[in-house]
Amino acid sequence: NQKKEAPLETKEEKNTPVDNLSPISQEGLVIKASSNCWIELFDEKGKVLMKREISKGEELNFNGKKFTITMGDPSALELFIDGKAVDIPKDKGKVVRNFSVSGDSK
């Protein structure tokens, strides 16, 4: 009395890979968190873009060329601007305020 169920036909659609996650070709700012970190991010005009804790494994993308960021623990973050890694202070647990990030002007 066991019924055999037909395989789901929508499985392929759900497993479609996403190819645009690499920061190498990403324009703007990419923030990757290797552990939880509080950040405050401003655009070039001083407008607050984000003000919260980001979680381990989270990746955020922002359009623009100039940013200012305050990081609660910069050792927990990787920053990329226009696909290039940004050299940031890596003192664990040391707050870095008003760190400027700029991309190439095209």
Protein backbone atom coordinates (compact mmCIF):
# COMPACT_ATOMS: atom_id res chain seq x y z
CA ASN A 1 0.00 0.00 0.00
CA GLN A 2 2.93 2.38 -0.47
CA LYS A 3 2.56 5.12 -3.04
CA LYS A 4 5.51 6.31 -5.07
CA GLU A 5 5.51 10.05 -5.59
CA ALA A 6 6.63 11.59 -8.85
CA PRO A 7 9.82 13.67 -8.64
CA LEU A 8 9.31 17.41 -8.36
CA GLU A 9 9.78 19.20 -11.65
CA THR A 10 10.47 22.60 -10.08
CA LYS A 11 13.65 21.44 -8.29
CA GLU A 12 15.93 22.68 -11.09
CA GLU A 13 14.47 26.19 -10.89
CA LYS A 14 15.17 26.48 -7.14
CA ASN A 15 18.81 25.39 -7.52
CA THR A 16 19.77 27.87 -10.23
CA PRO A 17 23.22 29.26 -9.35
CA VAL A 18 23.73 33.01 -9.01
CA ASP A 19 26.85 34.14 -10.83
CA ASN A 20 27.01 37.82 -9.86
CA LEU A 21 28.12 37.54 -6.21
CA SER A 22 31.85 37.95 -6.80
CA PRO A 23 33.15 41.34 -5.66
CA ILE A 24 35.74 41.23 -8.47
CA SER A 25 33.19 42.52 -11.00
CA GLN A 26 30.95 44.36 -8.52
CA GLU A 27 30.68 48.14 -8.90
CA GLY A 28 30.19 50.27 -5.82
CA LEU A 29 30.88 49.15 -2.26
CA VAL A 30 30.73 45.54 -1.06
CA ILE A 31 30.93 44.77 2.68
CA LYS A 32 31.52 41.17 3.81
CA ALA A 33 31.32 40.16 7.47
CA SER A 34 33.41 37.28 8.83
CA SER A 35 31.74 37.78 12.24
CA ASN A 36 29.11 40.08 13.70
CA CYS A 37 30.01 43.78 13.50
CA TRP A 38 28.19 47.04 14.10
CA ILE A 39 28.53 49.54 11.23
CA GLU A 40 27.32 52.99 10.31
CA LEU A 41 27.59 53.84 6.60
CA PHE A 42 27.19 57.25 4.95
CA ASP A 43 27.19 58.27 1.29
CA GLU A 44 29.32 61.14 -0.05
CA LYS A 45 26.65 63.70 0.93
CA GLY A 46 26.55 62.45 4.53
CA LYS A 47 23.22 60.62 4.19
CA VAL A 48 22.96 57.56 6.47
CA LEU A 49 22.73 54.45 4.26
CA MET A 50 22.84 51.93 7.09
CA LYS A 51 23.20 51.90 10.86
CA ARG A 52 23.02 48.40 12.40
CA GLU A 53 24.86 45.24 13.31
CA ILE A 54 25.60 42.96 10.40
CA SER A 55 25.84 39.22 10.92
CA LYS A 56 28.60 36.72 10.21
CA GLY A 57 28.47 35.68 6.55
CA GLU A 58 26.38 38.68 5.49
CA GLU A 59 27.34 40.49 2.28
CA LEU A 60 26.02 43.96 1.49
CA ASN A 61 26.22 45.95 -1.76
CA PHE A 62 25.87 49.72 -2.15
CA ASN A 63 25.95 51.82 -5.32
CA GLY A 64 28.22 54.85 -5.32
CA LYS A 65 31.86 55.93 -5.42
CA LYS A 66 32.49 57.61 -2.05
CA PHE A 67 31.49 56.42 1.41
CA THR A 68 32.30 57.02 5.05
CA ILE A 69 32.00 54.08 7.44
CA THR A 70 32.26 53.62 11.20
CA MET A 71 33.06 50.01 12.18
CA GLY A 72 32.68 48.48 15.63
CA ASP A 73 35.22 45.74 14.88
CA PRO A 74 36.99 46.23 11.53
CA SER A 75 38.79 42.89 11.90
CA ALA A 76 35.37 41.30 11.22
CA LEU A 77 34.96 43.00 7.84
CA GLU A 78 36.26 42.95 4.30
CA LEU A 79 35.53 45.97 2.11
CA PHE A 80 35.67 46.14 -1.69
CA ILE A 81 35.16 49.23 -3.84
CA ASP A 82 34.61 48.68 -7.55
CA GLY A 83 35.95 45.12 -7.15
CA LYS A 84 39.19 46.14 -5.39
CA ALA A 85 39.95 45.20 -1.78
CA VAL A 86 40.15 48.16 0.61
CA ASP A 87 42.97 48.18 3.16
CA ILE A 88 41.32 48.81 6.53
CA PRO A 89 42.75 48.78 10.07
CA LYS A 90 42.39 45.26 11.52
CA ASP A 91 42.71 45.95 15.27
CA LYS A 92 40.26 43.45 16.76
CA GLY A 93 37.56 45.13 18.80
CA LYS A 94 38.88 48.66 18.15
CA VAL A 95 36.25 51.06 16.81
CA VAL A 96 37.26 52.88 13.62
CA ARG A 97 35.26 56.07 13.03
CA ASN A 98 34.71 58.03 9.81
CA PHE A 99 36.85 55.80 7.58
CA SER A 100 36.71 57.09 3.98
CA VAL A 101 36.30 54.71 1.04
CA SER A 102 36.52 55.96 -2.56
CA GLY A 103 36.30 54.20 -5.90
CA ASP A 104 37.69 55.09 -9.31
CA SER A 105 36.18 58.14 -10.97
CA LYS A 106 35.15 57.20 -14.48
